[in-house]
């Protein structure tokens, strides 16, 4: 009777996992871009900054850069890792319980 809920939860878990995985790699791209001298007006580079800045800016307000070292990317990456390793498997298990 509740099997549609199981499929919806499984779909949400799969999408959440994929979005977080892609966002993690966009963060890595931002780090690499910050290390090399690039054209900041290139559309791809602007897109990377536009995607990551709304998440990194609030973290930067709470934990400002220390001595030129910006820890916001590290903190967001750890958060993504924790969500992917803890929350997504719980959603998958919860979905499986509805599908039985």
N, C-alpha and C. Protein backbone atom coordinates (compact mmCIF):
# COMPACT_ATOMS: atom_id res chain seq x y z
N UNK A 1 0.81 -1.20 0.00
CA UNK A 1 0.00 0.00 0.00
C UNK A 1 0.86 1.26 0.00
N UNK A 2 2.00 1.22 0.68
CA UNK A 2 2.87 2.39 0.76
C UNK A 2 4.04 2.33 -0.22
N UNK A 3 3.99 1.42 -1.19
CA UNK A 3 5.13 1.29 -2.10
C UNK A 3 5.40 2.55 -2.91
N UNK A 4 4.39 3.42 -3.26
CA UNK A 4 4.76 4.65 -3.97
C UNK A 4 5.67 5.55 -3.13
N UNK A 5 5.46 5.54 -1.81
CA UNK A 5 6.32 6.33 -0.93
C UNK A 5 7.76 5.82 -1.01
N UNK A 6 7.92 4.51 -1.08
CA UNK A 6 9.25 3.93 -1.20
C UNK A 6 9.96 4.36 -2.47
N UNK A 7 9.22 4.35 -3.58
CA UNK A 7 9.83 4.78 -4.84
C UNK A 7 10.17 6.27 -4.82
N UNK A 8 9.32 7.07 -4.21
CA UNK A 8 9.59 8.52 -4.12
C UNK A 8 10.82 8.77 -3.26
N UNK A 9 10.93 8.08 -2.12
CA UNK A 9 12.10 8.25 -1.26
C UNK A 9 13.38 7.78 -1.95
N UNK A 10 13.28 6.68 -2.67
CA UNK A 10 14.45 6.19 -3.40
C UNK A 10 14.88 7.19 -4.47
N UNK A 11 13.90 7.78 -5.16
CA UNK A 11 14.18 8.79 -6.17
C UNK A 11 14.84 10.01 -5.54
N UNK A 12 14.31 10.47 -4.41
CA UNK A 12 14.87 11.63 -3.72
C UNK A 12 16.30 11.34 -3.26
N UNK A 13 16.53 10.15 -2.72
CA UNK A 13 17.88 9.79 -2.27
C UNK A 13 18.86 9.75 -3.44
N UNK A 14 18.42 9.20 -4.56
CA UNK A 14 19.29 9.12 -5.73
C UNK A 14 19.62 10.50 -6.27
N UNK A 15 18.62 11.37 -6.37
CA UNK A 15 18.84 12.73 -6.87
C UNK A 15 19.73 13.51 -5.90
N UNK A 16 19.46 13.40 -4.60
CA UNK A 16 20.28 14.09 -3.61
C UNK A 16 21.73 13.64 -3.68
N UNK A 17 21.96 12.36 -3.82
CA UNK A 17 23.31 11.83 -3.92
C UNK A 17 24.02 12.38 -5.16
N UNK A 18 23.32 12.38 -6.28
CA UNK A 18 23.92 12.87 -7.53
C UNK A 18 24.22 14.37 -7.46
N UNK A 19 23.28 15.14 -6.94
CA UNK A 19 23.48 16.59 -6.85
C UNK A 19 24.65 16.92 -5.93
N UNK A 20 24.73 16.24 -4.80
CA UNK A 20 25.84 16.50 -3.88
C UNK A 20 27.18 16.09 -4.48
N UNK A 21 27.19 14.98 -5.22
CA UNK A 21 28.44 14.53 -5.87
C UNK A 21 28.90 15.55 -6.91
N UNK A 22 27.97 16.04 -7.71
CA UNK A 22 28.31 17.04 -8.73
C UNK A 22 28.77 18.33 -8.06
N UNK A 23 28.06 18.76 -7.01
CA UNK A 23 28.43 19.99 -6.32
C UNK A 23 29.82 19.88 -5.69
N UNK A 24 30.15 18.72 -5.17
CA UNK A 24 31.50 18.50 -4.63
C UNK A 24 32.55 18.75 -5.70
N UNK A 25 32.34 18.24 -6.90
CA UNK A 25 33.32 18.42 -7.97
C UNK A 25 33.34 19.86 -8.47
N UNK A 26 32.23 20.56 -8.39
CA UNK A 26 32.23 21.98 -8.73
C UNK A 26 33.06 22.75 -7.69
N UNK A 27 32.96 22.37 -6.43
CA UNK A 27 33.80 22.99 -5.40
C UNK A 27 35.28 22.73 -5.67
N UNK A 28 35.61 21.51 -6.06
CA UNK A 28 37.01 21.18 -6.39
C UNK A 28 37.47 22.04 -7.57
N UNK A 29 36.60 22.21 -8.56
CA UNK A 29 36.95 23.06 -9.70
C UNK A 29 37.20 24.49 -9.24
N UNK A 30 36.40 24.98 -8.31
CA UNK A 30 36.61 26.34 -7.80
C UNK A 30 37.97 26.46 -7.11
N UNK A 31 38.36 25.47 -6.35
CA UNK A 31 39.66 25.49 -5.68
C UNK A 31 40.78 25.53 -6.72
N UNK A 32 40.69 24.67 -7.72
CA UNK A 32 41.72 24.64 -8.76
C UNK A 32 41.77 25.97 -9.51
N UNK A 33 40.61 26.53 -9.81
CA UNK A 33 40.56 27.82 -10.50
C UNK A 33 41.21 28.90 -9.64
N UNK A 34 41.02 28.85 -8.33
CA UNK A 34 41.61 29.87 -7.46
C UNK A 34 43.13 29.75 -7.39
N UNK A 35 43.67 28.57 -7.65
CA UNK A 35 45.11 28.37 -7.59
C UNK A 35 45.83 28.84 -8.85
N UNK A 36 45.15 28.82 -9.97
CA UNK A 36 45.79 29.21 -11.23
C UNK A 36 45.22 30.55 -11.70
N UNK A 37 46.01 31.23 -12.45
CA UNK A 37 45.57 32.52 -12.98
C UNK A 37 44.67 32.26 -14.19
N UNK A 38 43.42 32.67 -14.06
CA UNK A 38 42.46 32.43 -15.13
C UNK A 38 41.73 33.72 -15.48
N UNK A 39 41.07 33.69 -16.60
CA UNK A 39 40.25 34.81 -17.03
C UNK A 39 38.93 34.75 -16.26
N UNK A 40 38.71 35.69 -15.34
CA UNK A 40 37.51 35.65 -14.51
C UNK A 40 36.24 35.98 -15.28
N UNK A 41 36.38 36.43 -16.51
CA UNK A 41 35.20 36.75 -17.31
C UNK A 41 34.77 35.59 -18.20
N UNK A 42 35.51 34.50 -18.16
CA UNK A 42 35.12 33.32 -18.95
C UNK A 42 33.79 32.79 -18.40
N UNK A 43 32.84 32.47 -19.28
CA UNK A 43 31.51 32.05 -18.81
C UNK A 43 31.52 30.83 -17.90
N UNK A 44 32.39 29.87 -18.16
CA UNK A 44 32.45 28.67 -17.34
C UNK A 44 32.94 28.99 -15.93
N UNK A 45 33.94 29.84 -15.84
CA UNK A 45 34.49 30.22 -14.54
C UNK A 45 33.47 31.04 -13.75
N UNK A 46 32.78 31.94 -14.45
CA UNK A 46 31.73 32.73 -13.78
C UNK A 46 30.61 31.82 -13.28
N UNK A 47 30.28 30.78 -14.06
CA UNK A 47 29.24 29.85 -13.65
C UNK A 47 29.65 29.10 -12.38
N UNK A 48 30.91 28.66 -12.32
CA UNK A 48 31.40 27.95 -11.14
C UNK A 48 31.28 28.84 -9.91
N UNK A 49 31.67 30.10 -10.04
CA UNK A 49 31.57 31.02 -8.91
C UNK A 49 30.12 31.31 -8.55
N UNK A 50 29.25 31.45 -9.54
CA UNK A 50 27.83 31.71 -9.26
C UNK A 50 27.15 30.53 -8.58
N UNK A 51 27.59 29.32 -8.88
CA UNK A 51 27.00 28.13 -8.27
C UNK A 51 27.50 27.94 -6.84
N UNK A 52 28.76 28.23 -6.59
CA UNK A 52 29.34 27.94 -5.28
C UNK A 52 29.23 29.09 -4.28
N UNK A 53 29.21 30.31 -4.74
CA UNK A 53 29.23 31.46 -3.83
C UNK A 53 28.03 31.53 -2.90
N UNK A 54 26.80 31.22 -3.34
CA UNK A 54 25.67 31.28 -2.39
C UNK A 54 25.80 30.32 -1.21
N UNK A 55 26.54 29.25 -1.36
CA UNK A 55 26.74 28.31 -0.25
C UNK A 55 27.97 28.71 0.56
N UNK A 56 29.01 29.17 -0.10
CA UNK A 56 30.26 29.48 0.61
C UNK A 56 30.18 30.80 1.38
N UNK A 57 29.44 31.78 0.89
CA UNK A 57 29.38 33.09 1.54
C UNK A 57 28.85 33.03 2.98
N UNK A 58 27.74 32.31 3.25
CA UNK A 58 27.29 32.23 4.65
C UNK A 58 28.31 31.53 5.57
N UNK A 59 28.99 30.53 5.04
CA UNK A 59 30.01 29.84 5.83
C UNK A 59 31.16 30.80 6.12
N UNK A 60 31.52 31.62 5.13
CA UNK A 60 32.59 32.59 5.30
C UNK A 60 32.23 33.66 6.33
N UNK A 61 30.94 34.00 6.43
CA UNK A 61 30.50 34.97 7.43
C UNK A 61 30.67 34.41 8.84
N UNK A 62 30.42 33.12 9.01
CA UNK A 62 30.55 32.49 10.32
C UNK A 62 32.02 32.25 10.66
N UNK A 63 32.76 31.73 9.70
CA UNK A 63 34.19 31.45 9.89
C UNK A 63 34.97 32.23 8.83
N UNK A 64 35.42 33.43 9.17
CA UNK A 64 36.13 34.25 8.18
C UNK A 64 37.49 33.64 7.83
N UNK A 65 38.01 33.98 6.66
CA UNK A 65 39.34 33.49 6.26
C UNK A 65 40.40 33.88 7.30
N UNK A 66 41.28 32.93 7.60
CA UNK A 66 42.32 33.17 8.59
C UNK A 66 43.67 33.25 7.89
N UNK A 67 44.27 34.41 7.91
CA UNK A 67 45.58 34.57 7.31
C UNK A 67 45.58 34.28 5.82
N UNK A 68 44.51 34.61 5.14
CA UNK A 68 44.41 34.35 3.71
C UNK A 68 43.96 32.94 3.36
N UNK A 69 43.72 32.11 4.35
CA UNK A 69 43.29 30.74 4.11
C UNK A 69 41.78 30.65 4.30
N UNK A 70 41.07 30.35 3.22
CA UNK A 70 39.62 30.26 3.24
C UNK A 70 39.20 28.82 3.52
N UNK A 71 38.63 28.59 4.69
CA UNK A 71 38.24 27.25 5.10
C UNK A 71 36.81 26.89 4.68
N UNK A 72 36.11 27.82 4.05
CA UNK A 72 34.70 27.57 3.72
C UNK A 72 34.54 26.38 2.78
N UNK A 73 35.43 26.23 1.82
CA UNK A 73 35.32 25.10 0.89
C UNK A 73 35.53 23.78 1.63
N UNK A 74 36.47 23.75 2.54
CA UNK A 74 36.72 22.54 3.33
C UNK A 74 35.50 22.19 4.20
N UNK A 75 34.91 23.19 4.83
CA UNK A 75 33.76 22.95 5.70
C UNK A 75 32.57 22.45 4.89
N UNK A 76 32.31 23.06 3.75
CA UNK A 76 31.19 22.62 2.90
C UNK A 76 31.47 21.22 2.36
N UNK A 77 32.71 20.93 2.01
CA UNK A 77 33.05 19.59 1.52
C UNK A 77 32.83 18.53 2.59
N UNK A 78 33.20 18.83 3.82
CA UNK A 78 32.97 17.89 4.92
C UNK A 78 31.48 17.69 5.14
N UNK A 79 30.71 18.77 5.06
CA UNK A 79 29.26 18.67 5.20
C UNK A 79 28.67 17.79 4.11
N UNK A 80 29.11 17.98 2.87
CA UNK A 80 28.64 17.15 1.76
C UNK A 80 29.00 15.69 2.00
N UNK A 81 30.22 15.44 2.46
CA UNK A 81 30.63 14.07 2.75
C UNK A 81 29.73 13.44 3.81
N UNK A 82 29.45 14.18 4.87
CA UNK A 82 28.62 13.65 5.95
C UNK A 82 27.20 13.36 5.47
N UNK A 83 26.64 14.25 4.69
CA UNK A 83 25.28 14.02 4.17
C UNK A 83 25.26 12.81 3.25
N UNK A 84 26.27 12.71 2.38
CA UNK A 84 26.30 11.59 1.44
C UNK A 84 26.57 10.26 2.15
N UNK A 85 27.34 10.28 3.22
CA UNK A 85 27.68 9.02 3.88
C UNK A 85 26.69 8.62 4.96
N UNK A 86 25.91 9.57 5.48
CA UNK A 86 24.97 9.26 6.56
C UNK A 86 23.51 9.39 6.13
N UNK A 87 23.14 10.52 5.57
CA UNK A 87 21.73 10.78 5.27
C UNK A 87 21.22 10.01 4.06
N UNK A 88 21.99 9.97 3.01
CA UNK A 88 21.55 9.28 1.79
C UNK A 88 21.34 7.78 2.04
N UNK A 89 22.26 7.07 2.71
CA UNK A 89 21.99 5.66 3.00
C UNK A 89 20.76 5.45 3.89
N UNK A 90 20.53 6.37 4.82
CA UNK A 90 19.33 6.26 5.66
C UNK A 90 18.07 6.40 4.80
N UNK A 91 18.10 7.34 3.85
CA UNK A 91 16.95 7.49 2.95
C UNK A 91 16.74 6.23 2.11
N UNK A 92 17.84 5.63 1.63
CA UNK A 92 17.72 4.39 0.85
C UNK A 92 17.14 3.26 1.71
N UNK A 93 17.60 3.14 2.95
CA UNK A 93 17.06 2.09 3.83
C UNK A 93 15.59 2.33 4.15
N UNK A 94 15.25 3.59 4.36
CA UNK A 94 13.87 3.93 4.65
C UNK A 94 12.99 3.60 3.45
N UNK A 95 13.49 3.90 2.25
CA UNK A 95 12.74 3.58 1.03
C UNK A 95 12.54 2.07 0.89
N UNK A 96 13.59 1.31 1.19
CA UNK A 96 13.49 -0.14 1.11
C UNK A 96 12.46 -0.71 2.08
N UNK A 97 12.34 -0.07 3.24
CA UNK A 97 11.35 -0.55 4.21
C UNK A 97 9.92 -0.35 3.69
N UNK A 98 9.69 0.68 2.89
CA UNK A 98 8.38 0.89 2.30
C UNK A 98 8.12 -0.04 1.10
N UNK A 99 9.19 -0.50 0.48
CA UNK A 99 9.03 -1.34 -0.72
C UNK A 99 8.84 -2.80 -0.38
N UNK A 100 8.97 -3.19 0.86
CA UNK A 100 8.81 -4.60 1.24
C UNK A 100 7.37 -4.96 1.42
